[in-house]
N, C-alpha and C. Protein backbone atom coordinates (compact mmCIF):
# COMPACT_ATOMS: atom_id res chain seq x y z
N UNK A 1 0.81 -1.25 0.00
CA UNK A 1 0.03 -0.04 0.01
C UNK A 1 0.84 1.24 -0.02
N UNK A 2 0.47 2.24 -0.85
CA UNK A 2 1.31 3.40 -1.03
C UNK A 2 1.25 4.21 0.31
N UNK A 3 2.17 5.02 0.63
CA UNK A 3 2.26 5.83 1.74
C UNK A 3 1.24 6.93 1.60
N UNK A 4 0.84 7.64 2.62
CA UNK A 4 -0.08 8.77 2.62
C UNK A 4 0.39 9.93 1.67
N UNK A 5 1.77 10.17 1.82
CA UNK A 5 2.37 11.22 1.09
C UNK A 5 2.25 10.85 -0.53
N UNK A 6 2.44 9.60 -0.75
CA UNK A 6 2.52 9.22 -2.11
C UNK A 6 1.08 9.16 -2.73
N UNK A 7 0.14 8.74 -1.94
CA UNK A 7 -1.22 8.81 -2.25
C UNK A 7 -1.74 10.20 -2.53
N UNK A 8 -1.39 11.11 -1.70
CA UNK A 8 -1.72 12.66 -1.97
C UNK A 8 -1.01 13.20 -3.12
N UNK A 9 0.20 12.72 -3.37
CA UNK A 9 0.90 13.15 -4.58
C UNK A 9 0.17 12.69 -5.94
N UNK A 10 -0.21 11.52 -5.84
CA UNK A 10 -0.88 10.83 -7.06
C UNK A 10 -2.26 11.50 -7.28
N UNK A 11 -3.04 11.78 -6.16
CA UNK A 11 -4.27 12.40 -6.21
C UNK A 11 -4.16 13.84 -6.91
N UNK A 12 -3.29 14.54 -6.44
CA UNK A 12 -3.02 15.88 -6.98
C UNK A 12 -2.49 15.95 -8.26
N UNK A 13 -1.53 14.97 -8.64
CA UNK A 13 -1.15 14.77 -9.98
C UNK A 13 -2.21 14.38 -10.98
N UNK A 14 -3.15 13.52 -10.67
CA UNK A 14 -4.21 13.19 -11.27
C UNK A 14 -5.18 14.27 -11.62
N UNK A 15 -5.38 15.18 -10.60
CA UNK A 15 -6.15 16.47 -10.85
C UNK A 15 -5.60 17.38 -11.85
N UNK A 16 -4.24 17.53 -11.88
CA UNK A 16 -3.50 18.38 -12.81
C UNK A 16 -3.64 17.82 -14.19
N UNK A 17 -3.34 16.33 -14.25
CA UNK A 17 -3.35 15.68 -15.51
C UNK A 17 -4.69 15.83 -16.18
N UNK A 18 -5.79 15.75 -15.41
CA UNK A 18 -7.23 15.96 -15.96
C UNK A 18 -7.41 17.27 -16.43
N UNK A 19 -6.94 18.26 -15.63
CA UNK A 19 -6.98 19.81 -15.97
C UNK A 19 -6.35 20.04 -17.30
N UNK A 20 -5.14 19.40 -17.50
CA UNK A 20 -4.34 19.68 -18.81
C UNK A 20 -5.21 19.05 -19.95
N UNK A 21 -5.66 17.88 -19.72
CA UNK A 21 -6.43 17.16 -20.77
C UNK A 21 -7.74 18.05 -21.21
N UNK A 22 -8.38 18.53 -20.23
CA UNK A 22 -9.56 19.32 -20.46
C UNK A 22 -9.16 20.63 -21.14
N UNK A 23 -8.00 21.27 -20.76
CA UNK A 23 -7.62 22.55 -21.33
C UNK A 23 -7.21 22.35 -22.80
N UNK A 24 -6.58 21.16 -23.18
CA UNK A 24 -6.27 20.89 -24.61
C UNK A 24 -7.45 20.66 -25.47
N UNK A 25 -8.46 20.41 -24.88
CA UNK A 25 -9.75 20.33 -25.77
C UNK A 25 -10.42 21.60 -26.05
N UNK A 26 -9.99 22.74 -25.38
CA UNK A 26 -10.61 24.04 -25.52
C UNK A 26 -9.75 24.76 -26.85
N UNK A 27 -10.60 25.15 -27.66
CA UNK A 27 -10.09 25.72 -28.90
C UNK A 27 -9.72 27.24 -28.74
N UNK A 28 -10.42 27.99 -28.02
CA UNK A 28 -10.14 29.43 -27.68
C UNK A 28 -8.85 29.51 -27.06
N UNK A 29 -7.86 30.08 -27.68
CA UNK A 29 -6.48 30.35 -27.02
C UNK A 29 -6.60 31.13 -25.77
N UNK A 30 -7.37 32.18 -25.69
CA UNK A 30 -7.46 32.95 -24.50
C UNK A 30 -7.88 32.20 -23.27
N UNK A 31 -8.95 31.33 -23.51
CA UNK A 31 -9.52 30.45 -22.47
C UNK A 31 -8.47 29.47 -22.16
N UNK A 32 -7.71 28.91 -23.14
CA UNK A 32 -6.79 27.82 -22.77
C UNK A 32 -5.62 28.53 -22.06
N UNK A 33 -5.29 29.84 -22.28
CA UNK A 33 -4.25 30.63 -21.56
C UNK A 33 -4.62 30.85 -20.11
N UNK A 34 -5.89 31.06 -19.99
CA UNK A 34 -6.45 31.34 -18.56
C UNK A 34 -6.45 30.03 -17.81
N UNK A 35 -6.74 28.87 -18.44
CA UNK A 35 -6.64 27.44 -17.85
C UNK A 35 -5.17 27.23 -17.49
N UNK A 36 -4.31 27.50 -18.39
CA UNK A 36 -2.87 27.26 -18.20
C UNK A 36 -2.38 28.03 -17.00
N UNK A 37 -2.88 29.19 -16.56
CA UNK A 37 -2.49 29.95 -15.46
C UNK A 37 -3.11 29.17 -14.26
N UNK A 38 -4.37 28.85 -14.30
CA UNK A 38 -5.02 27.99 -13.15
C UNK A 38 -4.04 26.67 -13.02
N UNK A 39 -3.60 26.10 -13.98
CA UNK A 39 -2.80 24.76 -13.92
C UNK A 39 -1.50 25.02 -13.27
N UNK A 40 -0.97 26.18 -13.68
CA UNK A 40 0.37 26.60 -13.05
C UNK A 40 0.21 26.75 -11.48
N UNK A 41 -0.96 27.34 -11.06
CA UNK A 41 -1.17 27.51 -9.78
C UNK A 41 -1.22 26.08 -9.00
N UNK A 42 -1.96 25.19 -9.60
CA UNK A 42 -2.03 23.88 -9.15
C UNK A 42 -0.57 23.05 -9.13
N UNK A 43 0.21 23.29 -9.96
CA UNK A 43 1.52 22.65 -10.08
C UNK A 43 2.41 23.21 -8.95
N UNK A 44 2.31 24.55 -8.75
CA UNK A 44 3.01 25.16 -7.68
C UNK A 44 2.56 24.56 -6.30
N UNK A 45 1.23 24.47 -6.13
CA UNK A 45 0.66 23.70 -4.91
C UNK A 45 1.27 22.35 -4.79
N UNK A 46 1.30 21.61 -5.95
CA UNK A 46 1.78 20.23 -5.84
C UNK A 46 3.26 20.23 -5.46
N UNK A 47 3.96 21.13 -5.92
CA UNK A 47 5.42 21.15 -5.46
C UNK A 47 5.44 21.29 -3.83
N UNK A 48 4.75 22.32 -3.45
CA UNK A 48 4.76 22.77 -2.11
C UNK A 48 4.25 21.56 -1.18
N UNK A 49 3.06 21.12 -1.55
CA UNK A 49 2.54 20.02 -0.59
C UNK A 49 3.38 18.65 -0.63
N UNK A 50 3.85 18.36 -1.99
CA UNK A 50 4.54 17.11 -1.98
C UNK A 50 5.81 17.18 -1.23
N UNK A 51 6.56 18.26 -1.35
CA UNK A 51 7.88 18.46 -0.64
C UNK A 51 7.61 18.24 0.99
N UNK A 52 6.53 19.11 1.31
CA UNK A 52 6.27 19.01 2.78
C UNK A 52 5.92 17.44 3.23
N UNK A 53 5.11 16.88 2.36
CA UNK A 53 4.65 15.49 2.75
C UNK A 53 5.86 14.63 2.72
N UNK A 54 6.75 14.60 1.81
CA UNK A 54 7.86 13.60 1.61
C UNK A 54 8.87 13.74 2.71
N UNK A 55 9.22 15.02 3.02
CA UNK A 55 10.15 15.28 4.01
C UNK A 55 9.53 14.98 5.37
N UNK A 56 8.22 15.33 5.68
CA UNK A 56 7.64 14.94 6.92
C UNK A 56 7.65 13.47 7.05
N UNK A 57 7.24 12.78 5.93
CA UNK A 57 7.21 11.29 6.08
C UNK A 57 8.55 10.75 6.31
N UNK A 58 9.56 11.27 5.76
CA UNK A 58 10.92 10.85 5.99
C UNK A 58 11.28 10.98 7.49
N UNK A 59 11.03 12.23 7.96
CA UNK A 59 11.44 12.52 9.40
C UNK A 59 10.51 11.50 10.32
N UNK A 60 9.36 11.20 9.91
CA UNK A 60 8.59 10.16 10.81
C UNK A 60 9.23 8.73 10.91
N UNK A 61 9.70 8.55 9.57
CA UNK A 61 10.25 7.05 9.44
C UNK A 61 11.78 7.04 10.07
N UNK A 62 12.43 8.04 10.22
CA UNK A 62 13.77 8.08 10.57
C UNK A 62 14.05 8.62 11.99
N UNK A 63 13.18 9.18 12.74
CA UNK A 63 13.37 9.83 13.99
C UNK A 63 12.36 9.57 15.06
N UNK A 64 12.50 10.08 16.14
CA UNK A 64 11.52 9.91 17.20
C UNK A 64 10.34 10.69 16.96
N UNK A 65 9.35 10.49 17.61
CA UNK A 65 7.99 11.13 17.54
C UNK A 65 8.15 12.62 17.64
N UNK A 66 8.94 13.03 18.62
CA UNK A 66 9.13 14.45 18.99
C UNK A 66 9.83 15.17 17.93
N UNK A 67 10.81 14.51 17.29
CA UNK A 67 11.62 15.23 16.22
C UNK A 67 10.82 15.33 14.97
N UNK A 68 10.09 14.26 14.69
CA UNK A 68 9.20 14.16 13.41
C UNK A 68 8.17 15.27 13.77
N UNK A 69 7.57 15.48 14.82
CA UNK A 69 6.59 16.45 14.92
C UNK A 69 7.20 17.89 14.81
N UNK A 70 8.32 18.07 15.26
CA UNK A 70 9.02 19.41 15.10
C UNK A 70 9.28 19.58 13.74
N UNK A 71 9.76 18.70 12.87
CA UNK A 71 9.96 18.89 11.42
C UNK A 71 8.73 19.14 10.76
N UNK A 72 7.68 18.46 11.11
CA UNK A 72 6.36 18.67 10.48
C UNK A 72 5.90 20.14 10.68
N UNK A 73 6.07 20.57 11.90
CA UNK A 73 5.67 21.91 12.19
C UNK A 73 6.44 22.89 11.47
N UNK A 74 7.80 22.66 11.37
CA UNK A 74 8.68 23.63 10.47
C UNK A 74 8.34 23.67 9.14
N UNK A 75 7.98 22.41 8.53
CA UNK A 75 7.54 22.36 7.09
C UNK A 75 6.28 23.08 6.79
N UNK A 76 5.53 23.19 7.88
CA UNK A 76 4.28 23.81 7.53
C UNK A 76 4.34 25.29 7.00
N UNK A 77 5.44 25.84 7.49
CA UNK A 77 5.79 27.27 6.99
C UNK A 77 6.55 27.32 5.60
N UNK A 78 6.81 26.14 5.07
CA UNK A 78 7.48 26.17 3.80
C UNK A 78 6.59 26.45 2.61
N UNK A 79 6.99 27.58 2.04
CA UNK A 79 6.16 28.21 0.88
C UNK A 79 6.89 28.64 -0.21
N UNK A 80 6.28 28.70 -1.50
CA UNK A 80 6.93 29.32 -2.63
C UNK A 80 8.23 28.58 -2.86
N UNK A 81 8.18 27.21 -3.02
CA UNK A 81 9.46 26.52 -3.15
C UNK A 81 10.16 26.57 -4.51
N UNK A 82 10.73 27.60 -4.74
CA UNK A 82 11.57 27.73 -5.89
C UNK A 82 12.82 26.81 -5.81
N UNK A 83 13.59 26.60 -6.79
CA UNK A 83 14.68 25.61 -6.82
C UNK A 83 15.71 25.94 -5.62
N UNK A 84 15.92 27.24 -5.44
CA UNK A 84 16.91 27.69 -4.37
C UNK A 84 16.38 27.16 -2.92
N UNK A 85 15.09 27.51 -2.74
CA UNK A 85 14.53 26.90 -1.41
C UNK A 85 14.50 25.55 -1.25
N UNK A 86 14.16 24.74 -2.42
CA UNK A 86 14.28 23.34 -2.45
C UNK A 86 15.60 22.73 -2.09
N UNK A 87 16.65 23.36 -2.71
CA UNK A 87 18.06 22.88 -2.51
C UNK A 87 18.39 23.14 -1.02
N UNK A 88 18.06 24.31 -0.56
CA UNK A 88 18.45 24.72 0.88
C UNK A 88 17.72 23.72 1.86
N UNK A 89 16.47 23.57 1.65
CA UNK A 89 15.84 22.52 2.50
C UNK A 89 16.40 21.15 2.39
N UNK A 90 16.65 20.70 1.13
CA UNK A 90 17.22 19.24 0.92
C UNK A 90 18.70 19.17 1.79
N UNK A 91 19.43 20.23 1.67
CA UNK A 91 20.69 20.43 2.37
C UNK A 91 20.55 20.31 3.85
N UNK A 92 19.38 20.85 4.35
CA UNK A 92 19.18 20.72 5.78
C UNK A 92 19.01 19.28 6.25
N UNK A 93 18.53 18.47 5.34
CA UNK A 93 18.46 16.96 5.62
C UNK A 93 19.67 16.29 5.43
N UNK A 94 20.46 16.64 4.22
CA UNK A 94 21.76 15.97 3.80
C UNK A 94 22.36 16.81 2.79
N UNK A 95 23.63 17.02 3.07
CA UNK A 95 24.49 17.87 2.05
C UNK A 95 24.34 17.19 0.61
N UNK A 96 24.42 15.83 0.65
CA UNK A 96 24.33 15.16 -0.69
C UNK A 96 23.08 15.40 -1.34
N UNK A 97 22.03 15.39 -0.54
CA UNK A 97 20.73 15.75 -1.19
C UNK A 97 20.62 17.07 -1.86
N UNK A 98 21.07 18.14 -1.18
CA UNK A 98 21.15 19.30 -1.72
C UNK A 98 22.05 19.47 -3.07
N UNK A 99 23.14 18.77 -2.95
CA UNK A 99 24.06 18.67 -4.21
C UNK A 99 23.29 17.96 -5.35
N UNK A 100 22.62 16.89 -5.00
CA UNK A 100 21.99 16.23 -6.04
C UNK A 100 20.88 17.02 -6.83
N UNK A 101 20.17 17.83 -5.96
CA UNK A 101 19.38 18.82 -6.70
C UNK A 101 20.00 19.90 -7.54
N UNK A 102 21.12 20.38 -7.02
CA UNK A 102 21.92 21.28 -7.84
C UNK A 102 22.48 20.76 -9.10
N UNK A 103 22.71 19.49 -9.08
CA UNK A 103 23.22 18.74 -10.31
C UNK A 103 22.19 18.40 -11.14
N UNK A 104 20.95 18.60 -11.00
CA UNK A 104 19.87 18.34 -12.05
C UNK A 104 20.10 19.32 -13.18
N UNK A 105 19.54 18.72 -14.27
CA UNK A 105 19.76 19.69 -15.54
C UNK A 105 19.08 20.95 -15.27
N UNK A 106 19.83 21.95 -15.84
CA UNK A 106 19.35 23.41 -15.48
C UNK A 106 17.82 23.58 -16.01
N UNK A 107 17.54 22.93 -17.04
CA UNK A 107 16.20 23.19 -17.68
C UNK A 107 15.03 22.63 -16.50
N UNK A 108 15.48 21.51 -15.83
CA UNK A 108 14.65 21.02 -14.78
C UNK A 108 14.49 21.92 -13.66
N UNK A 109 15.64 22.52 -13.15
CA UNK A 109 15.60 23.54 -12.08
C UNK A 109 14.89 24.85 -12.56
N UNK A 110 15.06 25.26 -13.68
CA UNK A 110 14.39 26.42 -14.05
C UNK A 110 12.89 26.30 -14.19
N UNK A 111 12.47 25.09 -14.53
CA UNK A 111 11.00 24.83 -14.65
C UNK A 111 10.30 25.01 -13.28
N UNK A 112 10.95 24.53 -12.19
CA UNK A 112 10.42 24.64 -10.90
C UNK A 112 10.27 26.10 -10.47
N UNK A 113 11.41 26.82 -10.76
CA UNK A 113 11.48 28.28 -10.30
C UNK A 113 10.55 29.06 -11.22
N UNK A 114 10.31 28.63 -12.43
CA UNK A 114 9.40 29.37 -13.34
C UNK A 114 7.98 29.19 -12.89
N UNK A 115 7.71 28.09 -12.47
CA UNK A 115 6.36 27.68 -12.11
C UNK A 115 5.86 28.55 -10.89
N UNK A 116 6.92 28.48 -9.89
CA UNK A 116 6.64 29.21 -8.67
C UNK A 116 6.58 30.79 -8.89
N UNK A 117 7.50 31.36 -9.79
CA UNK A 117 7.50 32.81 -9.99
C UNK A 117 6.17 33.08 -10.69
N UNK A 118 5.75 32.25 -11.68
CA UNK A 118 4.46 32.58 -12.45
C UNK A 118 3.31 32.65 -11.53
N UNK A 119 3.30 31.55 -10.57
CA UNK A 119 2.16 31.49 -9.65
C UNK A 119 2.11 32.65 -8.68
N UNK A 120 3.35 33.12 -8.36
CA UNK A 120 3.45 34.35 -7.53
C UNK A 120 2.98 35.63 -8.26
N UNK A 121 3.30 35.70 -9.47
CA UNK A 121 2.89 36.86 -10.22
C UNK A 121 1.38 36.79 -10.42
N UNK A 122 0.79 35.64 -10.69
CA UNK A 122 -0.63 35.49 -10.95
C UNK A 122 -1.37 35.90 -9.58
N UNK A 123 -1.03 35.37 -8.41
CA UNK A 123 -1.56 35.55 -7.20
C UNK A 123 -1.49 37.02 -6.78
N UNK A 124 -0.54 37.80 -7.26
CA UNK A 124 -0.49 39.13 -6.86
C UNK A 124 -0.87 40.13 -7.99
N UNK A 125 -1.86 39.56 -8.90
CA UNK A 125 -2.41 40.39 -9.92
C UNK A 125 -1.60 40.77 -11.04
N UNK A 126 -0.44 40.00 -11.26
CA UNK A 126 0.34 40.35 -12.51
C UNK A 126 -0.40 39.96 -13.76
N UNK A 127 0.09 40.57 -14.93
CA UNK A 127 -0.60 40.24 -16.21
C UNK A 127 0.30 39.21 -16.77
N UNK A 128 0.18 38.06 -16.26
CA UNK A 128 1.09 36.90 -16.68
C UNK A 128 0.52 36.20 -17.87
N UNK A 129 1.25 36.10 -18.91
CA UNK A 129 0.72 35.31 -20.11
C UNK A 129 1.56 34.01 -20.21
N UNK A 130 0.89 32.85 -20.16
CA UNK A 130 1.73 31.65 -20.19
C UNK A 130 0.84 30.72 -20.96
N UNK A 131 1.43 29.85 -21.92
CA UNK A 131 0.68 29.00 -22.74
C UNK A 131 0.56 27.60 -22.12
N UNK A 132 -0.48 26.96 -22.63
CA UNK A 132 -0.64 25.65 -21.97
C UNK A 132 0.60 24.72 -22.40
N UNK A 133 1.13 24.85 -23.44
CA UNK A 133 2.35 24.01 -23.93
C UNK A 133 3.45 24.27 -23.06
N UNK A 134 3.64 25.50 -22.61
CA UNK A 134 4.89 25.82 -21.78
C UNK A 134 4.61 25.26 -20.31
N UNK A 135 3.43 25.48 -19.88
CA UNK A 135 2.97 24.94 -18.54
C UNK A 135 3.17 23.35 -18.58
N UNK A 136 2.69 22.82 -19.57
CA UNK A 136 2.97 21.32 -19.66
C UNK A 136 4.35 20.83 -19.68
N UNK A 137 5.18 21.58 -20.37
CA UNK A 137 6.57 21.25 -20.45
C UNK A 137 7.25 21.37 -19.01
N UNK A 138 6.79 22.63 -18.45
CA UNK A 138 7.47 22.83 -17.00
C UNK A 138 6.91 21.64 -16.09
N UNK A 139 5.76 21.31 -16.12
CA UNK A 139 5.09 20.16 -15.35
C UNK A 139 5.90 18.84 -15.44
N UNK A 140 6.13 18.56 -16.74
CA UNK A 140 7.03 17.30 -17.01
C UNK A 140 8.42 17.36 -16.24
N UNK A 141 8.91 18.48 -16.30
CA UNK A 141 10.20 18.69 -15.50
C UNK A 141 10.12 18.83 -14.04
N UNK A 142 9.01 19.45 -13.57
CA UNK A 142 8.76 19.44 -12.17
C UNK A 142 8.49 18.09 -11.53
N UNK A 143 7.88 17.12 -12.28
CA UNK A 143 7.75 15.79 -11.91
C UNK A 143 9.12 15.05 -11.77
N UNK A 144 9.99 15.36 -12.69
CA UNK A 144 11.35 14.84 -12.46
C UNK A 144 12.09 15.19 -11.26
N UNK A 145 11.90 16.43 -10.77
CA UNK A 145 12.49 17.01 -9.68
C UNK A 145 11.72 16.29 -8.42
N UNK A 146 10.54 16.25 -8.31
CA UNK A 146 9.84 15.71 -7.31
C UNK A 146 10.13 14.21 -7.26
N UNK A 147 10.38 13.50 -8.28
CA UNK A 147 10.84 12.06 -8.26
C UNK A 147 12.25 11.98 -7.52
N UNK A 148 13.07 12.86 -7.88
CA UNK A 148 14.46 12.87 -7.20
C UNK A 148 14.25 12.98 -5.56
N UNK A 149 13.37 13.88 -5.11
CA UNK A 149 12.99 14.08 -3.71
C UNK A 149 12.45 12.94 -3.19
N UNK A 150 11.54 12.24 -3.94
CA UNK A 150 10.77 11.13 -3.45
C UNK A 150 11.82 10.10 -3.30
N UNK A 151 12.74 9.85 -4.16
CA UNK A 151 13.87 8.76 -4.02
C UNK A 151 14.80 9.07 -2.74
N UNK A 152 15.06 10.21 -2.67
CA UNK A 152 15.97 10.70 -1.48
C UNK A 152 15.22 10.41 -0.19
N UNK A 153 13.99 10.57 -0.07
CA UNK A 153 13.36 10.30 1.19
C UNK A 153 12.88 8.87 1.26
N UNK A 154 13.27 8.14 0.21
CA UNK A 154 12.93 6.65 0.20
C UNK A 154 11.37 6.43 0.40
N UNK A 155 10.63 7.14 -0.29
CA UNK A 155 9.13 6.96 -0.43
C UNK A 155 8.85 5.97 -1.48
N UNK A 156 8.25 4.86 -1.17
CA UNK A 156 8.15 3.90 -2.11
C UNK A 156 6.68 3.53 -2.23
N UNK A 157 6.35 2.79 -3.35
CA UNK A 157 5.03 2.38 -3.75
C UNK A 157 4.37 1.45 -2.55
N UNK A 158 5.30 0.56 -2.14
CA UNK A 158 4.67 -0.48 -1.29
C UNK A 158 5.22 -0.68 0.07
C-alpha cells in the first residue's frame, strides 16, 4: 500500500493531468491561456505539498516522534518552493541531497522556479501570459525533480 504522502501526490497529480487534458480540448486560445494559469497554480501547490509531505514522512520514518513532530511543524511554513529553497531544504536533511538537486539539468531546475514565479505573479495580480504548452513542459520537468526528492526520502509504492 502506498504511503499517505505518495497517495496525496498521485491524487494531486491526477487532478492536474485531468485539467491539462480538459484545457487541451478548448479551442479558444485565450481561455486555454486562462486555464494554463490555473494549472500553473495547481502545479506550484503540488510542489509545495509534495515536498512537505515527503520530508515529513521521511522524518517520521527516521526519527523519534518528537523530532518528527518538530520537522512537520517547521515544514508547515515552507512556501513558494523555488529551486533555491528546495536545495536549501534538502541540504538541511543531507548535504548530498542538496548537491543532487543542484546537479539536476538546468532546464529542470528552471522549470520549478518558473512555475513558482509565475504562480506568485498570478496571485499578486500580475498580467502573466503563459501558454498551456509551456505549463505542460514545465510540469513534466517538475515531476522529474519531485521524483528525485521522493527517492531521496525513500518514499516507495509499497
